[in-house]
Amino acid sequence: MKKFLVVLLLVLSSSLLLAEYNFYLVSHGGPADPFWGIVMKGMNDAAEKYGVNATYLGPVKYSLQTFVNNLNAAISAKPDGLIVTITDANAVDEPLKRAIASGIPVIAINVPDPRTGLDKIPYLAYIGNNEYLGGYNGAMYVLSQFTPKRAVIAIHEVGHAGLEMRAKGIIDVLSEKGIPVEKLNITVDPAKGVAVLEGYLRKHPDTDMIFTLGPIGTLPAVTVVEDMGLLGKVKVSGFDLTEEMLEWIREGKVLYTVDQQQYLQGYLAVEFLYFYKKYGLTPIGDVLTGPFIITKDNLEPVVQSVKEGYR
């Protein structure tokens, strides 16, 4: 009996060590989006390595209100650390500043607070893409290949700060060259996106470049171009990586995509929180995981990592 109790205590002690800290990752994106599945994999891999609990909260369908509700729920749980996407700085300003004031360390991923000075949410660090550069560099790559007559930016989550910064980067490059470009709300529903884009192309037949800002937007864009017999005439760009995206690039249906290595966003955020809680180590400034332009020329080296779920 005594030996049994000793073994039981050892097992319980080990279990406690495996759950030394509890972290929450609160995102605007749900697990149905392939992008966030990779972030979750990074989060889970780091949690397993460092023996912590990590919980992911994200809406099934994009909803700012659900996102804020999830954030408040996570804060109420009094976690040892929070990882949050700052898709709407005004909406999350009060809860995050309240959480930080209560002693909960916060790391921003994917989308930072664009504000500066005292207005900016005082999180420990930002891990992710430079969204403006992602759009800017992508548009510069397009100009290195051809000069569009007219371009449209298919935006699937209007008001999403990160997507708006991507769009701004594109607009700044094209506007400087006098190329007509505008944003188009295609929603997160691929079927609606197809209808909206088809209507736009019929109204503006001189459009020869569609910029998409994520896999949810790329699918309807590729579908429309194929259905309307415009392959080769209307170019499509992407953001982020999936196996399907890589195949589209290989087949010439997508000109390029922007990789932000989102696995690192989930993994490093958990790792940094663990180091902060355990050793008081704090990263300084932004940790950029992108942008990296992927084209036919540099496609093959990343194919395997996508298949394995790291991109």
Protein backbone atom coordinates (compact mmCIF):
# COMPACT_ATOMS: atom_id res chain seq x y z
CA MET A 1 0.00 0.00 0.00
CA LYS A 2 2.83 2.36 0.90
CA LYS A 3 4.59 1.65 -2.37
CA PHE A 4 1.32 2.28 -4.22
CA LEU A 5 0.91 5.69 -2.57
CA VAL A 6 4.49 6.65 -3.44
CA VAL A 7 3.91 5.69 -7.09
CA LEU A 8 0.60 7.58 -7.11
CA LEU A 9 2.24 10.70 -5.72
CA LEU A 10 4.97 10.47 -8.34
CA VAL A 11 2.37 10.18 -11.12
CA LEU A 12 0.42 13.14 -9.74
CA SER A 13 3.60 15.18 -9.41
CA SER A 14 4.50 14.40 -13.03
CA SER A 15 1.02 15.42 -14.17
CA LEU A 16 1.31 18.73 -12.36
CA LEU A 17 4.66 19.37 -13.98
CA LEU A 18 3.14 18.66 -17.39
CA ALA A 19 0.58 21.38 -16.73
CA GLU A 20 2.90 23.92 -15.15
CA TYR A 21 1.28 26.81 -17.00
CA ASN A 22 -2.03 27.42 -18.77
CA PHE A 23 -1.97 29.57 -21.91
CA TYR A 24 -4.80 30.66 -24.19
CA LEU A 25 -4.53 31.52 -27.86
CA VAL A 26 -7.51 33.67 -28.89
CA SER A 27 -7.83 34.19 -32.63
CA HIS A 28 -10.29 35.75 -35.06
CA GLY A 29 -9.95 32.64 -37.24
CA GLY A 30 -11.54 29.24 -36.70
CA PRO A 31 -10.16 25.74 -37.25
CA ALA A 32 -12.07 25.43 -40.55
CA ASP A 33 -9.59 27.87 -42.08
CA PRO A 34 -6.53 25.81 -43.15
CA PHE A 35 -4.25 28.67 -42.14
CA TRP A 36 -5.25 28.46 -38.47
CA GLY A 37 -4.88 24.70 -38.41
CA ILE A 38 -1.14 25.25 -38.94
CA VAL A 39 -1.02 27.86 -36.16
CA MET A 40 -2.76 25.36 -33.85
CA LYS A 41 -0.21 22.69 -34.76
CA GLY A 42 2.62 25.03 -33.79
CA MET A 43 0.85 25.90 -30.54
CA ASN A 44 0.25 22.25 -29.66
CA ASP A 45 3.79 21.16 -30.55
CA ALA A 46 5.31 23.83 -28.31
CA ALA A 47 2.86 23.07 -25.50
CA GLU A 48 3.84 19.41 -25.62
CA LYS A 49 7.55 20.21 -25.64
CA TYR A 50 7.40 22.57 -22.67
CA GLY A 51 4.78 20.70 -20.66
CA VAL A 52 2.10 23.40 -20.63
CA ASN A 53 -1.60 23.51 -21.40
CA ALA A 54 -2.53 25.59 -24.44
CA THR A 55 -6.15 26.21 -25.41
CA TYR A 56 -7.22 27.60 -28.78
CA LEU A 57 -10.35 29.76 -29.07
CA GLY A 58 -11.58 30.86 -32.50
CA PRO A 59 -15.03 31.38 -34.05
CA VAL A 60 -16.35 28.86 -36.57
CA LYS A 61 -17.24 31.82 -38.79
CA TYR A 62 -15.54 35.20 -38.58
CA SER A 63 -17.32 37.42 -36.05
CA LEU A 64 -15.75 40.32 -34.20
CA GLN A 65 -18.25 39.97 -31.38
CA THR A 66 -17.51 36.26 -30.93
CA PHE A 67 -13.79 37.03 -31.00
CA VAL A 68 -14.16 39.62 -28.21
CA ASN A 69 -16.42 37.27 -26.21
CA ASN A 70 -13.80 34.51 -26.49
CA LEU A 71 -11.12 36.94 -25.35
CA ASN A 72 -13.11 37.94 -22.28
CA ALA A 73 -13.76 34.27 -21.50
CA ALA A 74 -10.04 33.52 -21.70
CA ILE A 75 -9.19 36.46 -19.43
CA SER A 76 -11.82 35.30 -16.92
CA ALA A 77 -10.04 31.94 -16.75
CA LYS A 78 -7.00 33.81 -15.34
CA PRO A 79 -4.43 32.07 -17.54
CA ASP A 80 -0.67 32.31 -17.13
CA GLY A 81 -0.42 33.92 -20.54
CA LEU A 82 -2.47 35.11 -23.52
CA ILE A 83 -1.72 34.94 -27.24
CA VAL A 84 -4.01 37.20 -29.28
CA THR A 85 -4.52 38.46 -32.82
CA ILE A 86 -5.07 42.23 -32.81
CA THR A 87 -7.47 42.31 -35.76
CA ASP A 88 -9.35 45.29 -34.32
CA ALA A 89 -7.25 47.28 -31.86
CA ASN A 90 -10.19 49.36 -30.64
CA ALA A 91 -12.31 46.29 -29.92
CA VAL A 92 -9.64 44.48 -27.88
CA ASP A 93 -8.02 47.53 -26.30
CA GLU A 94 -9.98 47.52 -23.03
CA PRO A 95 -9.95 43.77 -22.32
CA LEU A 96 -6.26 43.36 -23.16
CA LYS A 97 -5.11 46.37 -21.17
CA ARG A 98 -7.24 45.09 -18.29
CA ALA A 99 -5.63 41.64 -18.58
CA ILE A 100 -2.12 43.07 -18.67
CA ALA A 101 -2.86 45.30 -15.67
CA SER A 102 -3.97 42.19 -13.76
CA GLY A 103 -0.60 40.54 -14.42
CA ILE A 104 -1.40 38.36 -17.45
CA PRO A 105 1.41 38.58 -20.02
CA VAL A 106 0.22 38.99 -23.61
CA ILE A 107 1.88 38.22 -26.93
CA ALA A 108 0.34 39.41 -30.19
CA ILE A 109 0.53 37.19 -33.25
CA ASN A 110 -0.53 37.47 -36.90
CA VAL A 111 -1.80 41.06 -36.59
CA PRO A 112 -0.15 43.70 -34.39
CA ASP A 113 -1.61 46.83 -32.84
CA PRO A 114 -0.87 49.46 -35.53
CA ARG A 115 -1.00 52.31 -33.03
CA THR A 116 2.02 53.87 -31.38
CA GLY A 117 2.95 55.48 -28.07
CA LEU A 118 0.67 55.20 -25.05
CA ASP A 119 -2.29 54.18 -27.21
CA LYS A 120 -0.62 50.91 -28.21
CA ILE A 121 -1.50 47.81 -26.20
CA PRO A 122 1.62 47.02 -24.10
CA TYR A 123 2.02 43.35 -25.05
CA LEU A 124 5.41 41.66 -24.69
CA ALA A 125 6.09 41.14 -28.38
CA TYR A 126 4.54 40.69 -31.80
CA ILE A 127 5.22 37.51 -33.80
CA GLY A 128 4.09 37.39 -37.40
CA ASN A 129 4.10 38.84 -40.84
CA ASN A 130 4.67 42.46 -41.77
CA GLU A 131 1.30 42.73 -43.51
CA TYR A 132 2.01 45.97 -45.34
CA LEU A 133 5.27 44.59 -46.76
CA GLY A 134 3.45 41.41 -47.76
CA GLY A 135 1.12 43.40 -50.00
CA TYR A 136 3.84 45.81 -51.13
CA ASN A 137 6.40 43.15 -52.05
CA GLY A 138 3.76 41.06 -53.79
CA ALA A 139 2.67 43.98 -55.95
CA MET A 140 6.30 44.75 -56.77
CA TYR A 141 6.74 41.16 -57.92
CA VAL A 142 3.71 41.52 -60.20
CA LEU A 143 5.24 44.63 -61.78
CA SER A 144 8.45 42.67 -62.40
CA GLN A 145 6.38 40.22 -64.45
CA PHE A 146 3.90 42.50 -66.26
CA THR A 147 2.01 45.79 -65.92
CA PRO A 148 -1.70 45.25 -65.18
CA LYS A 149 -4.31 47.40 -66.94
CA ARG A 150 -6.64 47.17 -63.93
CA ALA A 151 -6.45 45.24 -60.66
CA VAL A 152 -8.93 44.26 -57.98
CA ILE A 153 -8.21 43.18 -54.42
CA ALA A 154 -10.57 40.44 -53.23
CA ILE A 155 -10.92 41.01 -49.49
CA HIS A 156 -12.75 38.26 -47.60
CA GLU A 157 -12.87 39.85 -44.12
CA VAL A 158 -13.59 43.56 -44.38
CA GLY A 159 -12.30 45.50 -41.39
CA HIS A 160 -9.63 42.90 -40.57
CA ALA A 161 -6.63 45.13 -39.82
CA GLY A 162 -4.10 42.69 -41.27
CA LEU A 163 -5.96 42.26 -44.56
CA GLU A 164 -6.45 46.01 -44.83
CA MET A 165 -2.69 46.53 -44.43
CA ARG A 166 -2.01 43.94 -47.14
CA ALA A 167 -4.42 45.79 -49.40
CA LYS A 168 -2.79 49.14 -48.61
CA GLY A 169 0.63 47.80 -49.62
CA ILE A 170 -0.78 46.65 -52.96
CA ILE A 171 -2.66 49.91 -53.55
CA ASP A 172 0.39 52.06 -52.75
CA VAL A 173 2.52 50.27 -55.35
CA LEU A 174 -0.08 50.22 -58.13
CA SER A 175 -1.39 53.73 -57.53
CA GLU A 176 2.13 55.10 -57.87
CA LYS A 177 2.20 53.58 -61.35
CA GLY A 178 -1.25 54.95 -62.22
CA ILE A 179 -2.83 51.49 -62.36
CA PRO A 180 -6.55 51.47 -61.39
CA VAL A 181 -7.09 49.26 -58.32
CA GLU A 182 -9.90 48.85 -55.81
CA LYS A 183 -10.96 46.61 -52.95
CA LEU A 184 -13.89 44.25 -53.37
CA ASN A 185 -15.74 42.56 -50.50
CA ILE A 186 -16.13 38.90 -51.52
CA THR A 187 -17.14 37.63 -48.01
CA VAL A 188 -15.88 34.39 -46.44
CA ASP A 189 -18.42 32.32 -48.42
CA PRO A 190 -16.67 30.88 -51.52
CA ALA A 191 -19.94 30.63 -53.48
CA LYS A 192 -20.73 34.30 -52.84
CA GLY A 193 -17.15 35.17 -53.65
CA VAL A 194 -17.47 33.54 -57.07
CA ALA A 195 -20.64 35.52 -57.82
CA VAL A 196 -19.16 38.83 -56.66
CA LEU A 197 -15.93 38.40 -58.62
CA GLU A 198 -17.72 37.24 -61.76
CA GLY A 199 -19.94 40.32 -61.61
CA TYR A 200 -16.91 42.56 -61.19
CA LEU A 201 -15.03 41.04 -64.14
CA ARG A 202 -18.05 41.39 -66.39
CA LYS A 203 -18.41 45.03 -65.38
CA HIS A 204 -14.67 45.69 -65.74
CA PRO A 205 -13.46 43.43 -68.59
CA ASP A 206 -10.09 45.21 -68.67
CA THR A 207 -9.21 43.69 -65.25
CA ASP A 208 -6.19 41.43 -65.66
CA MET A 209 -4.98 41.05 -62.04
CA ILE A 210 -6.84 39.70 -59.01
CA PHE A 211 -5.02 40.02 -55.69
CA THR A 212 -6.38 37.68 -53.03
CA LEU A 213 -5.51 37.98 -49.35
CA GLY A 214 -5.84 34.39 -48.11
CA PRO A 215 -6.80 30.87 -49.25
CA ILE A 216 -10.48 31.63 -48.62
CA GLY A 217 -10.26 34.33 -51.28
CA THR A 218 -7.99 32.50 -53.71
CA LEU A 219 -10.40 29.59 -54.29
CA PRO A 220 -13.25 31.71 -55.73
CA ALA A 221 -10.76 33.79 -57.75
CA VAL A 222 -9.24 30.71 -59.41
CA THR A 223 -12.72 29.26 -59.94
CA VAL A 224 -14.00 32.41 -61.67
CA VAL A 225 -10.96 32.74 -63.92
CA GLU A 226 -11.31 29.09 -64.98
CA ASP A 227 -15.09 29.24 -65.45
CA MET A 228 -14.89 32.39 -67.55
CA GLY A 229 -12.10 31.01 -69.73
CA LEU A 230 -9.66 33.69 -68.61
CA LEU A 231 -6.67 31.54 -67.62
CA GLY A 232 -3.54 33.30 -68.81
CA LYS A 233 -5.45 36.53 -69.38
CA VAL A 234 -6.30 37.32 -65.76
CA LYS A 235 -3.56 36.63 -63.22
CA VAL A 236 -4.33 35.66 -59.60
CA SER A 237 -2.14 36.10 -56.53
CA GLY A 238 -2.40 34.44 -53.13
CA PHE A 239 -1.54 34.81 -49.48
CA ASP A 240 -0.47 31.94 -47.23
CA LEU A 241 0.19 28.34 -48.17
CA THR A 242 -1.83 25.19 -48.70
CA GLU A 243 -1.12 22.13 -50.84
CA GLU A 244 -3.79 23.39 -53.23
CA MET A 245 -2.10 26.79 -53.46
CA LEU A 246 1.20 25.15 -54.35
CA GLU A 247 -0.48 23.11 -57.08
CA TRP A 248 -2.10 26.24 -58.51
CA ILE A 249 1.30 27.93 -58.65
CA ARG A 250 2.81 24.87 -60.33
CA GLU A 251 -0.03 24.84 -62.89
CA GLY A 252 0.23 28.57 -63.54
CA LYS A 253 -3.21 29.36 -62.12
CA VAL A 254 -1.70 31.48 -59.32
CA LEU A 255 1.22 33.81 -60.01
CA TYR A 256 2.62 33.83 -56.47
CA THR A 257 1.68 33.55 -52.82
CA VAL A 258 3.03 35.22 -49.69
CA ASP A 259 4.23 32.88 -46.96
CA GLN A 260 4.29 34.08 -43.36
CA GLN A 261 5.30 30.76 -41.79
CA GLN A 262 2.35 30.71 -39.42
CA TYR A 263 3.52 27.53 -37.71
CA LEU A 264 6.16 29.70 -36.04
CA GLN A 265 3.50 32.13 -34.84
CA GLY A 266 1.79 29.43 -32.79
CA TYR A 267 5.01 27.73 -31.71
CA LEU A 268 7.10 30.75 -30.79
CA ALA A 269 4.26 32.47 -28.92
CA VAL A 270 3.91 29.51 -26.55
CA GLU A 271 7.69 29.19 -26.27
CA PHE A 272 8.16 32.89 -25.49
CA LEU A 273 5.41 32.86 -22.85
CA TYR A 274 7.01 29.81 -21.26
CA PHE A 275 10.45 31.47 -21.18
CA TYR A 276 8.89 34.63 -19.76
CA LYS A 277 7.02 32.81 -16.99
CA LYS A 278 9.84 30.39 -16.19
CA TYR A 279 12.94 32.57 -16.53
CA GLY A 280 11.75 36.16 -16.94
CA LEU A 281 13.15 36.28 -20.49
CA THR A 282 11.42 38.79 -22.74
CA PRO A 283 11.78 39.24 -26.53
CA ILE A 284 12.32 42.84 -27.61
CA GLY A 285 10.39 44.23 -30.57
CA ASP A 286 8.76 42.40 -33.44
CA VAL A 287 9.71 38.88 -34.50
CA LEU A 288 8.93 38.70 -38.22
CA THR A 289 7.98 35.33 -39.72
CA GLY A 290 7.31 36.84 -43.16
CA PRO A 291 6.69 37.97 -45.85
CA PHE A 292 8.34 35.54 -48.26
CA ILE A 293 7.22 35.51 -51.91
CA ILE A 294 6.78 31.98 -53.30
CA THR A 295 6.68 31.52 -57.08
CA LYS A 296 7.32 28.71 -59.56
CA ASP A 297 11.03 29.45 -59.25
CA ASN A 298 11.32 28.60 -55.54
CA LEU A 299 8.32 26.32 -55.11
CA GLU A 300 9.80 22.87 -54.60
CA PRO A 301 11.79 23.45 -51.35
CA VAL A 302 8.58 24.27 -49.44
CA VAL A 303 6.38 21.48 -50.85
CA GLN A 304 7.42 18.88 -48.28
CA SER A 305 6.96 21.19 -45.29
CA VAL A 306 3.42 21.96 -46.45
CA LYS A 307 2.64 18.24 -46.76
CA GLU A 308 3.90 17.72 -43.22
CA GLY A 309 1.74 20.53 -41.87
CA TYR A 310 4.41 23.09 -41.06
CA ARG A 311 3.25 25.67 -43.61
